[in-house]
Amino acid sequence: MTNEPVSLDLAALRRNYTRESLSETGVNPDPFKQFDHWFREASDSQLPEPNAMTLATATQHGRPSARTVLLKGFDHQGFVFYTNYESRKGLEIDENPQIALLFTWLELERQIRIEGTAERVSPEESEAYFQSRPKGSQIGAWASPQSRVITGRELLEEKMEELNDTFKHEENLPLPPFWGGYRLRPECIEFWQGRENRLHDRIQYTRTDTGWKIERLAP
């Protein structure tokens, strides 16, 4: 037995995309309606957590980071997710509100890229969503100093036990002052449909003063 890693021919890992196509004239003129259409298809296809999305942020000096979060709402104002405002992503958004989202639905051979500016949702909106969460998730939000170094899991478990005891007679916990939602107001939305021979369809919506401009991008 050797200590050498197992050799995989990564260059040979490939797949041909043949399910669907996408055209400038075939998409909805409204990118939010196009997103709603694709999102419903992803949900109807029984994909695991179709609302999972990669959130990319960067510091004011341009150092990037990315992680997976869950979409919790969308309308013509933008796309909403919730987090600890004192987490790494929260602090980076406060420094630099230019962020990006990526939905990857490989089973449907589709991706959606969204770029724009993040802003905090209203306290009322954060409160309403927080109260809709299971009590265990509410306690978890209070217990975790998200993104900070901790000495061990025991610290979290002790905090959870303490909060469970404190609020054992309460149906819900109050909204933490350090927790709430962000809304990405998009400036650019790209719909990507896999095609044969890597000649993928990429349809991009760009916000203008008069509406949304639709263009095709080279793959």
Protein backbone atom coordinates (compact mmCIF):
# COMPACT_ATOMS: atom_id res chain seq x y z
CA MET A 1 0.00 0.00 0.00
CA THR A 2 1.30 3.46 -0.90
CA ASN A 3 0.47 6.91 0.36
CA GLU A 4 -0.10 8.23 -3.15
CA PRO A 5 -3.58 9.61 -3.85
CA VAL A 6 -5.93 7.67 -6.10
CA SER A 7 -5.43 8.90 -9.65
CA LEU A 8 -8.59 10.11 -11.42
CA ASP A 9 -8.66 11.15 -15.04
CA LEU A 10 -10.51 14.40 -14.41
CA ALA A 11 -9.95 15.54 -17.98
CA ALA A 12 -12.07 12.61 -19.17
CA LEU A 13 -15.06 13.45 -16.97
CA ARG A 14 -17.57 15.00 -19.30
CA ARG A 15 -21.23 14.86 -20.20
CA ASN A 16 -23.14 15.97 -23.29
CA TYR A 17 -26.18 18.16 -22.60
CA THR A 18 -29.19 17.43 -24.79
CA ARG A 19 -32.35 18.03 -22.77
CA GLU A 20 -33.57 21.48 -23.90
CA SER A 21 -32.74 24.73 -25.65
CA LEU A 22 -33.17 28.41 -24.87
CA SER A 23 -33.58 31.40 -27.20
CA GLU A 24 -33.88 35.16 -26.96
CA THR A 25 -37.40 35.00 -28.39
CA GLY A 26 -38.47 32.01 -26.31
CA VAL A 27 -37.82 33.47 -22.86
CA ASN A 28 -40.29 35.62 -20.98
CA PRO A 29 -39.58 39.38 -21.38
CA ASP A 30 -39.75 39.62 -17.57
CA PRO A 31 -36.74 37.89 -15.94
CA PHE A 32 -38.63 37.35 -12.68
CA LYS A 33 -41.37 35.47 -14.54
CA GLN A 34 -38.71 33.45 -16.37
CA PHE A 35 -37.09 32.65 -13.03
CA ASP A 36 -40.45 31.65 -11.58
CA HIS A 37 -41.03 29.31 -14.54
CA TRP A 38 -37.66 27.60 -14.16
CA PHE A 39 -37.91 27.46 -10.38
CA ARG A 40 -41.32 25.77 -10.57
CA GLU A 41 -39.91 23.23 -13.00
CA ALA A 42 -36.99 22.55 -10.65
CA SER A 43 -39.43 22.10 -7.74
CA ASP A 44 -41.74 19.86 -9.78
CA SER A 45 -38.74 17.72 -10.78
CA GLN A 46 -38.27 16.75 -7.11
CA LEU A 47 -34.73 18.10 -7.01
CA PRO A 48 -33.23 18.14 -3.49
CA GLU A 49 -33.54 21.70 -2.15
CA PRO A 50 -34.08 23.56 -5.42
CA ASN A 51 -33.87 26.81 -3.45
CA ALA A 52 -30.23 26.14 -2.49
CA MET A 53 -27.97 28.75 -4.07
CA THR A 54 -24.34 29.78 -3.92
CA LEU A 55 -23.91 33.27 -2.46
CA ALA A 56 -20.70 35.06 -3.42
CA THR A 57 -19.54 38.10 -1.46
CA ALA A 58 -16.31 40.09 -1.33
CA THR A 59 -14.58 42.41 1.09
CA GLN A 60 -14.08 46.06 0.26
CA HIS A 61 -10.60 45.05 -0.96
CA GLY A 62 -12.03 42.46 -3.34
CA ARG A 63 -11.23 39.24 -1.46
CA PRO A 64 -14.05 36.83 -2.42
CA SER A 65 -15.82 34.08 -0.51
CA ALA A 66 -18.74 31.82 -1.36
CA ARG A 67 -21.13 29.53 0.47
CA THR A 68 -24.52 27.86 0.01
CA VAL A 69 -27.61 29.54 1.44
CA LEU A 70 -31.35 29.07 0.86
CA LEU A 71 -33.62 31.36 -1.13
CA LYS A 72 -36.58 32.27 1.08
CA GLY A 73 -38.54 34.58 -1.19
CA PHE A 74 -38.51 36.44 -4.48
CA ASP A 75 -40.63 38.99 -6.31
CA HIS A 76 -40.04 41.96 -8.59
CA GLN A 77 -38.05 43.65 -5.83
CA GLY A 78 -35.45 40.89 -5.69
CA PHE A 79 -34.28 37.68 -4.05
CA VAL A 80 -34.33 37.21 -0.26
CA PHE A 81 -32.22 35.10 2.11
CA TYR A 82 -31.65 35.22 5.87
CA THR A 83 -28.52 35.04 7.99
CA ASN A 84 -26.63 36.29 11.01
CA TYR A 85 -25.70 39.91 10.26
CA GLU A 86 -22.45 39.41 12.24
CA SER A 87 -21.38 36.37 10.18
CA ARG A 88 -18.61 36.65 7.60
CA LYS A 89 -21.10 37.08 4.77
CA GLY A 90 -23.05 39.66 6.75
CA LEU A 91 -19.95 41.71 7.50
CA GLU A 92 -18.77 41.48 3.90
CA ILE A 93 -22.15 42.59 2.58
CA ASP A 94 -22.03 45.57 4.92
CA GLU A 95 -18.56 46.43 3.53
CA ASN A 96 -19.40 45.73 -0.08
CA PRO A 97 -23.07 45.22 -1.01
CA GLN A 98 -22.25 43.98 -4.54
CA ILE A 99 -23.05 40.25 -4.42
CA ALA A 100 -23.90 37.35 -6.72
CA LEU A 101 -26.14 34.28 -6.54
CA LEU A 102 -25.84 31.03 -8.47
CA PHE A 103 -28.49 28.32 -8.82
CA THR A 104 -27.16 25.04 -10.23
CA TRP A 105 -29.69 22.42 -11.29
CA LEU A 106 -27.48 19.81 -12.96
CA GLU A 107 -30.31 17.32 -13.36
CA LEU A 108 -32.06 19.85 -15.61
CA GLU A 109 -28.78 20.97 -17.22
CA ARG A 110 -29.50 24.53 -16.05
CA GLN A 111 -27.90 27.36 -14.13
CA ILE A 112 -29.06 30.85 -13.19
CA ARG A 113 -26.58 33.60 -12.33
CA ILE A 114 -27.81 36.76 -10.59
CA GLU A 115 -25.74 39.86 -9.83
CA GLY A 116 -26.78 43.00 -8.01
CA THR A 117 -26.83 45.00 -4.80
CA ALA A 118 -27.85 43.64 -1.40
CA GLU A 119 -29.82 45.54 1.21
CA ARG A 120 -31.36 44.48 4.50
CA VAL A 121 -35.06 43.70 4.46
CA SER A 122 -37.29 45.55 6.92
CA PRO A 123 -37.31 44.44 10.59
CA GLU A 124 -40.98 43.52 10.12
CA GLU A 125 -40.13 41.19 7.25
CA SER A 126 -37.31 39.57 9.24
CA GLU A 127 -39.61 39.20 12.25
CA ALA A 128 -42.34 37.53 10.20
CA TYR A 129 -39.93 35.01 8.69
CA PHE A 130 -38.17 34.31 12.00
CA GLN A 131 -41.49 33.52 13.68
CA SER A 132 -42.32 31.08 10.87
CA ARG A 133 -39.24 28.98 11.68
CA PRO A 134 -39.35 25.92 13.96
CA LYS A 135 -38.50 26.73 17.58
CA GLY A 136 -35.30 24.68 17.33
CA SER A 137 -34.10 26.81 14.42
CA GLN A 138 -34.95 29.97 16.35
CA ILE A 139 -32.87 28.74 19.29
CA GLY A 140 -30.04 27.82 16.91
CA ALA A 141 -29.97 31.37 15.55
CA TRP A 142 -29.58 32.74 19.08
CA ALA A 143 -27.02 30.10 20.12
CA SER A 144 -24.51 30.35 17.28
CA PRO A 145 -21.95 33.18 17.02
CA GLN A 146 -21.79 32.41 13.30
CA SER A 147 -18.38 32.39 11.59
CA ARG A 148 -16.46 33.00 14.83
CA VAL A 149 -13.86 30.57 16.18
CA ILE A 150 -15.21 28.48 19.08
CA THR A 151 -13.48 26.02 21.40
CA GLY A 152 -15.73 23.09 20.53
CA ARG A 153 -19.24 21.87 19.74
CA GLU A 154 -19.89 21.57 23.45
CA LEU A 155 -20.15 25.36 23.61
CA LEU A 156 -23.07 25.32 21.16
CA GLU A 157 -24.79 22.40 22.86
CA GLU A 158 -24.53 24.09 26.26
CA LYS A 159 -25.96 27.30 24.84
CA MET A 160 -28.81 25.39 23.17
CA GLU A 161 -29.61 23.65 26.47
CA GLU A 162 -29.55 26.96 28.33
CA LEU A 163 -31.89 28.63 25.81
CA ASN A 164 -34.21 25.63 25.75
CA ASP A 165 -34.55 25.93 29.51
CA THR A 166 -35.01 29.71 29.42
CA PHE A 167 -37.73 29.57 26.78
CA LYS A 168 -39.31 26.21 27.65
CA HIS A 169 -42.68 27.85 28.31
CA GLU A 170 -42.54 30.09 25.23
CA GLU A 171 -43.85 29.04 21.84
CA ASN A 172 -41.46 31.37 19.99
CA LEU A 173 -38.30 33.31 20.70
CA PRO A 174 -37.86 37.02 19.96
CA LEU A 175 -35.98 38.02 16.82
CA PRO A 176 -32.23 38.34 17.56
CA PRO A 177 -31.01 41.89 16.92
CA PHE A 178 -28.09 40.45 14.94
CA TRP A 179 -30.19 38.28 12.62
CA GLY A 180 -32.38 39.01 9.59
CA GLY A 181 -32.79 39.09 5.85
CA TYR A 182 -31.07 40.54 2.82
CA ARG A 183 -32.64 41.27 -0.53
CA LEU A 184 -30.54 41.19 -3.68
CA ARG A 185 -31.86 43.76 -6.15
CA PRO A 186 -30.65 42.38 -9.48
CA GLU A 187 -28.91 44.32 -12.21
CA CYS A 188 -28.10 41.26 -14.33
CA ILE A 189 -29.69 37.79 -14.56
CA GLU A 190 -28.34 35.05 -16.82
CA PHE A 191 -30.18 31.83 -17.70
CA TRP A 192 -27.90 29.00 -18.83
CA GLN A 193 -29.16 25.90 -20.62
CA GLY A 194 -26.70 23.11 -21.40
CA ARG A 195 -26.40 22.14 -25.09
CA GLU A 196 -24.44 19.66 -27.17
CA ASN A 197 -20.73 20.10 -27.85
CA ARG A 198 -20.47 22.76 -25.12
CA LEU A 199 -22.33 25.27 -27.30
CA HIS A 200 -24.58 26.16 -24.39
CA ASP A 201 -27.44 28.66 -24.55
CA ARG A 202 -26.81 31.74 -22.38
CA ILE A 203 -29.53 34.39 -22.27
CA GLN A 204 -28.74 37.49 -20.24
CA TYR A 205 -31.13 40.15 -18.92
CA THR A 206 -29.54 43.51 -18.06
CA ARG A 207 -31.47 46.25 -16.25
CA THR A 208 -31.70 49.56 -18.13
CA ASP A 209 -33.49 52.85 -17.52
CA THR A 210 -36.38 51.64 -19.66
CA GLY A 211 -36.63 48.01 -18.63
CA TRP A 212 -34.67 44.79 -19.24
CA LYS A 213 -32.40 44.27 -22.25
CA ILE A 214 -32.19 40.64 -23.45
CA GLU A 215 -29.03 39.40 -25.16
CA ARG A 216 -27.37 36.10 -26.05
CA LEU A 217 -23.88 35.40 -24.72
CA ALA A 218 -21.35 33.13 -26.36
CA PRO A 219 -20.82 29.92 -24.33
